[in-house]
Amino acid sequence: MHLLSPLQGSIYVLAGLLGIDIDDHIRLVAKYALGTTLVMKIVAILFGILSI
């Protein structure tokens, strides 16, 4: 998630090369990043890697 921050210089290079707005990029990618994080946490809890 921290690479989605506008404080990272690479986000500006990516947006410039693709010709997209940074706000649109963050809105689109944040949903998938949060969903992936949630799935990984649930799997880790089911396998006993993380405890509740």
N, C-alpha and C. Protein backbone atom coordinates (compact mmCIF):
# COMPACT_ATOMS: atom_id res chain seq x y z
N MET A 1 0.81 -1.19 0.00
CA MET A 1 0.00 0.00 0.00
C MET A 1 0.86 1.26 0.00
N HIS A 2 2.03 1.21 0.63
CA HIS A 2 2.81 2.43 0.74
C HIS A 2 3.34 2.90 -0.62
N LEU A 3 3.41 2.02 -1.61
CA LEU A 3 3.85 2.46 -2.93
C LEU A 3 2.73 3.16 -3.70
N LEU A 4 1.52 3.17 -3.18
CA LEU A 4 0.43 3.92 -3.80
C LEU A 4 0.43 5.37 -3.35
N SER A 5 1.25 5.69 -2.38
CA SER A 5 1.29 7.05 -1.84
C SER A 5 1.87 8.02 -2.86
N PRO A 6 1.32 9.24 -2.93
CA PRO A 6 1.89 10.24 -3.84
C PRO A 6 3.23 10.79 -3.34
N LEU A 7 3.70 10.31 -2.19
CA LEU A 7 5.00 10.72 -1.68
C LEU A 7 6.13 9.94 -2.34
N GLN A 8 5.80 8.89 -3.07
CA GLN A 8 6.79 8.09 -3.78
C GLN A 8 7.03 8.71 -5.16
N GLY A 9 8.26 8.91 -5.52
CA GLY A 9 8.58 9.51 -6.80
C GLY A 9 8.21 8.65 -7.99
N SER A 10 8.24 7.33 -7.80
CA SER A 10 7.95 6.43 -8.91
C SER A 10 6.50 6.54 -9.38
N ILE A 11 5.60 6.97 -8.50
CA ILE A 11 4.20 7.10 -8.89
C ILE A 11 4.04 8.20 -9.94
N TYR A 12 4.83 9.26 -9.83
CA TYR A 12 4.77 10.35 -10.80
C TYR A 12 5.34 9.92 -12.15
N VAL A 13 6.41 9.13 -12.12
CA VAL A 13 6.98 8.62 -13.37
C VAL A 13 5.99 7.70 -14.06
N LEU A 14 5.36 6.80 -13.30
CA LEU A 14 4.38 5.88 -13.85
C LEU A 14 3.20 6.64 -14.45
N ALA A 15 2.67 7.59 -13.73
CA ALA A 15 1.52 8.36 -14.23
C ALA A 15 1.90 9.16 -15.47
N GLY A 16 3.11 9.71 -15.49
CA GLY A 16 3.55 10.47 -16.64
C GLY A 16 3.74 9.61 -17.88
N LEU A 17 4.31 8.42 -17.71
CA LEU A 17 4.53 7.53 -18.84
C LEU A 17 3.22 6.99 -19.41
N LEU A 18 2.26 6.74 -18.52
CA LEU A 18 0.99 6.19 -18.97
C LEU A 18 -0.02 7.27 -19.38
N GLY A 19 0.27 8.51 -19.01
CA GLY A 19 -0.64 9.60 -19.35
C GLY A 19 -1.93 9.57 -18.57
N ILE A 20 -1.88 9.13 -17.32
CA ILE A 20 -3.08 9.07 -16.48
C ILE A 20 -2.95 10.02 -15.31
N ASP A 21 -4.07 10.31 -14.69
CA ASP A 21 -4.08 11.18 -13.51
C ASP A 21 -3.75 10.34 -12.27
N ILE A 22 -2.99 10.90 -11.36
CA ILE A 22 -2.57 10.16 -10.17
C ILE A 22 -3.78 9.79 -9.31
N ASP A 23 -4.77 10.67 -9.22
CA ASP A 23 -5.96 10.36 -8.43
C ASP A 23 -6.70 9.15 -8.98
N ASP A 24 -6.84 9.09 -10.29
CA ASP A 24 -7.51 7.94 -10.90
C ASP A 24 -6.74 6.65 -10.66
N HIS A 25 -5.44 6.73 -10.76
CA HIS A 25 -4.60 5.54 -10.53
C HIS A 25 -4.74 5.03 -9.10
N ILE A 26 -4.69 5.93 -8.14
CA ILE A 26 -4.78 5.52 -6.73
C ILE A 26 -6.15 4.94 -6.44
N ARG A 27 -7.22 5.55 -6.96
CA ARG A 27 -8.56 5.02 -6.74
C ARG A 27 -8.73 3.62 -7.31
N LEU A 28 -8.20 3.39 -8.49
CA LEU A 28 -8.33 2.09 -9.12
C LEU A 28 -7.51 1.02 -8.40
N VAL A 29 -6.26 1.31 -8.11
CA VAL A 29 -5.35 0.31 -7.57
C VAL A 29 -5.60 0.06 -6.08
N ALA A 30 -6.08 1.04 -5.34
CA ALA A 30 -6.28 0.88 -3.90
C ALA A 30 -7.31 -0.20 -3.60
N LYS A 31 -8.35 -0.31 -4.42
CA LYS A 31 -9.36 -1.35 -4.20
C LYS A 31 -8.73 -2.74 -4.28
N TYR A 32 -7.92 -2.95 -5.30
CA TYR A 32 -7.29 -4.26 -5.47
C TYR A 32 -6.24 -4.53 -4.40
N ALA A 33 -5.51 -3.50 -4.01
CA ALA A 33 -4.49 -3.67 -2.98
C ALA A 33 -5.12 -4.01 -1.63
N LEU A 34 -6.20 -3.32 -1.29
CA LEU A 34 -6.88 -3.61 -0.02
C LEU A 34 -7.52 -5.00 -0.04
N GLY A 35 -8.11 -5.38 -1.17
CA GLY A 35 -8.71 -6.70 -1.28
C GLY A 35 -7.68 -7.81 -1.17
N THR A 36 -6.54 -7.63 -1.82
CA THR A 36 -5.47 -8.62 -1.75
C THR A 36 -4.93 -8.74 -0.33
N THR A 37 -4.78 -7.61 0.33
CA THR A 37 -4.30 -7.62 1.71
C THR A 37 -5.27 -8.36 2.62
N LEU A 38 -6.56 -8.12 2.44
CA LEU A 38 -7.57 -8.79 3.25
C LEU A 38 -7.55 -10.29 3.03
N VAL A 39 -7.44 -10.73 1.79
CA VAL A 39 -7.38 -12.16 1.49
C VAL A 39 -6.14 -12.80 2.12
N MET A 40 -5.00 -12.13 2.01
CA MET A 40 -3.77 -12.69 2.60
C MET A 40 -3.87 -12.80 4.11
N LYS A 41 -4.51 -11.84 4.77
CA LYS A 41 -4.67 -11.91 6.23
C LYS A 41 -5.61 -13.03 6.63
N ILE A 42 -6.69 -13.21 5.88
CA ILE A 42 -7.62 -14.30 6.19
C ILE A 42 -6.94 -15.66 6.02
N VAL A 43 -6.20 -15.83 4.96
CA VAL A 43 -5.48 -17.09 4.73
C VAL A 43 -4.45 -17.32 5.83
N ALA A 44 -3.73 -16.27 6.25
CA ALA A 44 -2.74 -16.41 7.31
C ALA A 44 -3.40 -16.81 8.62
N ILE A 45 -4.57 -16.29 8.91
CA ILE A 45 -5.29 -16.66 10.14
C ILE A 45 -5.76 -18.11 10.05
N LEU A 46 -6.25 -18.53 8.88
CA LEU A 46 -6.72 -19.91 8.72
C LEU A 46 -5.59 -20.92 8.86
N PHE A 47 -4.40 -20.58 8.39
CA PHE A 47 -3.25 -21.48 8.50
C PHE A 47 -2.53 -21.37 9.83
N GLY A 48 -2.96 -20.46 10.69
CA GLY A 48 -2.36 -20.33 12.01
C GLY A 48 -1.10 -19.50 12.03
N ILE A 49 -0.79 -18.79 10.97
CA ILE A 49 0.40 -17.95 10.93
C ILE A 49 0.18 -16.70 11.78
N LEU A 50 -1.03 -16.16 11.72
CA LEU A 50 -1.42 -15.03 12.56
C LEU A 50 -2.47 -15.50 13.55
N SER A 51 -2.41 -14.99 14.73
CA SER A 51 -3.43 -15.32 15.72
C SER A 51 -4.34 -14.11 15.94
N ILE A 52 -5.55 -14.39 16.31
CA ILE A 52 -6.53 -13.32 16.51
C ILE A 52 -6.40 -12.74 17.90
